[in-house]
Amino acid sequence: MDATPAAVLTVVDGEAEAELVCGLLRAAGFECGYRPTEAVDSPLEEFTASGPREILVHADELAAAGAVLEEARR
């Protein structure tokens, strides 16, 4: 993502789900990324694909990206 401020859109269970959500968002035209959450449950969490991930989008696209996820959940 570029220098535009990012905002957390949602939190998912792991890296595989984060990849799926970002793929959906990218297909809809949104730039996104993900990172481990701040809540570290294990000292090894940052070295594995497990653990919750925050999905990030540009702050000014938060509502529109949220609508895409909501529609996908239906």
N, C-alpha and C. Protein backbone atom coordinates (compact mmCIF):
# COMPACT_ATOMS: atom_id res chain seq x y z
N MET A 1 0.84 -1.19 0.00
CA MET A 1 0.00 0.00 0.00
C MET A 1 0.88 1.25 0.00
N ASP A 2 0.38 2.33 -0.58
CA ASP A 2 1.19 3.54 -0.65
C ASP A 2 1.07 4.37 0.63
N ALA A 3 1.44 5.62 0.59
CA ALA A 3 1.50 6.47 1.78
C ALA A 3 0.14 6.94 2.28
N THR A 4 -0.94 6.66 1.58
CA THR A 4 -2.27 7.02 2.06
C THR A 4 -2.53 6.30 3.38
N PRO A 5 -3.10 6.99 4.38
CA PRO A 5 -3.36 6.33 5.66
C PRO A 5 -4.21 5.06 5.49
N ALA A 6 -3.82 4.03 6.21
CA ALA A 6 -4.55 2.75 6.16
C ALA A 6 -5.46 2.64 7.37
N ALA A 7 -6.50 1.85 7.20
CA ALA A 7 -7.45 1.59 8.28
C ALA A 7 -7.75 0.10 8.31
N VAL A 8 -8.03 -0.41 9.49
CA VAL A 8 -8.36 -1.83 9.64
C VAL A 8 -9.81 -2.02 9.23
N LEU A 9 -10.01 -2.84 8.22
CA LEU A 9 -11.35 -3.15 7.72
C LEU A 9 -12.00 -4.24 8.55
N THR A 10 -11.24 -5.31 8.80
CA THR A 10 -11.75 -6.43 9.57
C THR A 10 -10.58 -7.25 10.06
N VAL A 11 -10.87 -8.20 10.93
CA VAL A 11 -9.86 -9.15 11.42
C VAL A 11 -10.34 -10.54 11.06
N VAL A 12 -9.43 -11.34 10.49
CA VAL A 12 -9.75 -12.71 10.10
C VAL A 12 -8.90 -13.68 10.89
N ASP A 13 -9.23 -14.96 10.80
CA ASP A 13 -8.60 -15.98 11.65
C ASP A 13 -7.16 -16.31 11.31
N GLY A 14 -6.74 -16.15 10.07
CA GLY A 14 -5.38 -16.54 9.72
C GLY A 14 -4.96 -16.03 8.36
N GLU A 15 -3.74 -16.38 7.96
CA GLU A 15 -3.18 -15.88 6.71
C GLU A 15 -3.94 -16.37 5.49
N ALA A 16 -4.39 -17.61 5.50
CA ALA A 16 -5.13 -18.13 4.34
C ALA A 16 -6.41 -17.33 4.12
N GLU A 17 -7.14 -17.05 5.18
CA GLU A 17 -8.36 -16.26 5.06
C GLU A 17 -8.05 -14.82 4.65
N ALA A 18 -6.95 -14.29 5.15
CA ALA A 18 -6.53 -12.94 4.77
C ALA A 18 -6.24 -12.87 3.27
N GLU A 19 -5.60 -13.89 2.73
CA GLU A 19 -5.33 -13.93 1.30
C GLU A 19 -6.63 -13.96 0.50
N LEU A 20 -7.60 -14.73 0.97
CA LEU A 20 -8.90 -14.79 0.27
C LEU A 20 -9.62 -13.45 0.30
N VAL A 21 -9.66 -12.83 1.46
CA VAL A 21 -10.35 -11.54 1.59
C VAL A 21 -9.65 -10.48 0.73
N CYS A 22 -8.32 -10.45 0.78
CA CYS A 22 -7.60 -9.46 -0.04
C CYS A 22 -7.80 -9.75 -1.53
N GLY A 23 -7.88 -11.00 -1.91
CA GLY A 23 -8.14 -11.34 -3.31
C GLY A 23 -9.49 -10.82 -3.75
N LEU A 24 -10.49 -10.96 -2.91
CA LEU A 24 -11.83 -10.45 -3.21
C LEU A 24 -11.81 -8.93 -3.35
N LEU A 25 -11.14 -8.27 -2.41
CA LEU A 25 -11.07 -6.82 -2.45
C LEU A 25 -10.30 -6.32 -3.67
N ARG A 26 -9.19 -6.99 -3.99
CA ARG A 26 -8.41 -6.58 -5.17
C ARG A 26 -9.21 -6.77 -6.45
N ALA A 27 -9.98 -7.84 -6.52
CA ALA A 27 -10.82 -8.08 -7.70
C ALA A 27 -11.87 -6.99 -7.85
N ALA A 28 -12.26 -6.37 -6.74
CA ALA A 28 -13.23 -5.28 -6.77
C ALA A 28 -12.55 -3.92 -6.95
N GLY A 29 -11.22 -3.92 -7.11
CA GLY A 29 -10.51 -2.67 -7.38
C GLY A 29 -9.90 -1.98 -6.18
N PHE A 30 -9.87 -2.62 -5.04
CA PHE A 30 -9.29 -2.01 -3.84
C PHE A 30 -7.87 -2.48 -3.62
N GLU A 31 -7.00 -1.57 -3.21
CA GLU A 31 -5.66 -1.93 -2.79
C GLU A 31 -5.76 -2.31 -1.32
N CYS A 32 -5.17 -3.43 -0.94
CA CYS A 32 -5.27 -3.86 0.45
C CYS A 32 -4.03 -4.64 0.85
N GLY A 33 -3.95 -4.92 2.12
CA GLY A 33 -2.87 -5.72 2.67
C GLY A 33 -3.32 -6.29 3.99
N TYR A 34 -2.47 -7.06 4.62
CA TYR A 34 -2.80 -7.61 5.93
C TYR A 34 -1.55 -7.72 6.77
N ARG A 35 -1.76 -7.82 8.08
CA ARG A 35 -0.66 -7.95 9.03
C ARG A 35 -1.17 -8.70 10.25
N PRO A 36 -0.26 -9.27 11.04
CA PRO A 36 -0.70 -9.89 12.29
C PRO A 36 -1.33 -8.84 13.19
N THR A 37 -2.26 -9.25 14.00
CA THR A 37 -2.88 -8.31 14.94
C THR A 37 -1.87 -7.94 16.01
N GLU A 38 -2.17 -6.90 16.73
CA GLU A 38 -1.30 -6.47 17.83
C GLU A 38 -1.35 -7.44 19.01
N ALA A 39 -2.44 -8.18 19.13
CA ALA A 39 -2.60 -9.13 20.23
C ALA A 39 -1.85 -10.42 19.91
N VAL A 40 -0.67 -10.57 20.47
CA VAL A 40 0.15 -11.75 20.20
C VAL A 40 -0.17 -12.80 21.26
N ASP A 41 -0.65 -13.97 20.79
CA ASP A 41 -0.99 -15.04 21.70
C ASP A 41 0.20 -15.96 21.99
N SER A 42 1.19 -15.92 21.13
CA SER A 42 2.33 -16.83 21.24
C SER A 42 3.58 -16.11 20.77
N PRO A 43 4.72 -16.41 21.38
CA PRO A 43 5.96 -15.79 20.91
C PRO A 43 6.34 -16.23 19.50
N LEU A 44 5.77 -17.32 19.02
CA LEU A 44 6.06 -17.82 17.68
C LEU A 44 5.07 -17.34 16.64
N GLU A 45 4.05 -16.59 17.05
CA GLU A 45 2.97 -16.21 16.16
C GLU A 45 3.47 -15.45 14.92
N GLU A 46 4.46 -14.58 15.09
CA GLU A 46 4.93 -13.80 13.94
C GLU A 46 5.71 -14.63 12.94
N PHE A 47 6.08 -15.86 13.30
CA PHE A 47 6.87 -16.71 12.42
C PHE A 47 6.05 -17.79 11.73
N THR A 48 4.75 -17.80 11.99
CA THR A 48 3.88 -18.81 11.39
C THR A 48 2.74 -18.14 10.64
N ALA A 49 2.05 -18.93 9.86
CA ALA A 49 0.89 -18.41 9.11
C ALA A 49 -0.37 -18.43 9.95
N SER A 50 -0.29 -18.91 11.18
CA SER A 50 -1.48 -18.97 12.03
C SER A 50 -1.64 -17.67 12.80
N GLY A 51 -2.80 -17.51 13.37
CA GLY A 51 -3.08 -16.33 14.17
C GLY A 51 -3.86 -15.30 13.38
N PRO A 52 -4.59 -14.46 14.09
CA PRO A 52 -5.44 -13.47 13.45
C PRO A 52 -4.64 -12.46 12.63
N ARG A 53 -5.28 -11.96 11.57
CA ARG A 53 -4.68 -10.97 10.69
C ARG A 53 -5.66 -9.81 10.52
N GLU A 54 -5.12 -8.60 10.54
CA GLU A 54 -5.91 -7.41 10.26
C GLU A 54 -5.86 -7.14 8.76
N ILE A 55 -7.01 -6.92 8.17
CA ILE A 55 -7.10 -6.55 6.76
C ILE A 55 -7.10 -5.03 6.69
N LEU A 56 -6.17 -4.48 5.93
CA LEU A 56 -6.01 -3.03 5.83
C LEU A 56 -6.40 -2.53 4.44
N VAL A 57 -7.10 -1.42 4.42
CA VAL A 57 -7.44 -0.72 3.16
C VAL A 57 -7.16 0.75 3.37
N HIS A 58 -7.18 1.52 2.29
CA HIS A 58 -7.03 2.97 2.43
C HIS A 58 -8.20 3.50 3.27
N ALA A 59 -7.89 4.39 4.18
CA ALA A 59 -8.92 4.92 5.09
C ALA A 59 -10.10 5.53 4.36
N ASP A 60 -9.84 6.18 3.24
CA ASP A 60 -10.93 6.82 2.51
C ASP A 60 -11.78 5.82 1.72
N GLU A 61 -11.38 4.56 1.69
CA GLU A 61 -12.15 3.51 1.01
C GLU A 61 -12.77 2.51 1.98
N LEU A 62 -12.70 2.80 3.26
CA LEU A 62 -13.15 1.85 4.28
C LEU A 62 -14.62 1.46 4.11
N ALA A 63 -15.49 2.42 3.94
CA ALA A 63 -16.93 2.11 3.81
C ALA A 63 -17.22 1.29 2.55
N ALA A 64 -16.62 1.68 1.44
CA ALA A 64 -16.88 0.97 0.17
C ALA A 64 -16.33 -0.45 0.22
N ALA A 65 -15.15 -0.63 0.79
CA ALA A 65 -14.57 -1.97 0.91
C ALA A 65 -15.41 -2.82 1.87
N GLY A 66 -15.91 -2.21 2.93
CA GLY A 66 -16.78 -2.93 3.86
C GLY A 66 -18.05 -3.40 3.18
N ALA A 67 -18.58 -2.60 2.28
CA ALA A 67 -19.79 -2.98 1.54
C ALA A 67 -19.51 -4.19 0.65
N VAL A 68 -18.32 -4.25 0.05
CA VAL A 68 -17.95 -5.40 -0.78
C VAL A 68 -17.91 -6.67 0.07
N LEU A 69 -17.30 -6.59 1.25
CA LEU A 69 -17.25 -7.76 2.13
C LEU A 69 -18.64 -8.17 2.60
N GLU A 70 -19.45 -7.20 2.92
CA GLU A 70 -20.82 -7.49 3.37
C GLU A 70 -21.60 -8.21 2.27
N GLU A 71 -21.47 -7.75 1.05
CA GLU A 71 -22.15 -8.38 -0.08
C GLU A 71 -21.64 -9.81 -0.28
N ALA A 72 -20.37 -10.03 -0.11
CA ALA A 72 -19.79 -11.37 -0.29
C ALA A 72 -20.28 -12.34 0.79
N ARG A 73 -20.62 -11.84 1.95
CA ARG A 73 -21.08 -12.69 3.06
C ARG A 73 -22.51 -13.17 2.88
N ARG A 74 -23.26 -12.55 1.97
CA ARG A 74 -24.67 -12.91 1.75
C ARG A 74 -24.81 -14.18 1.02
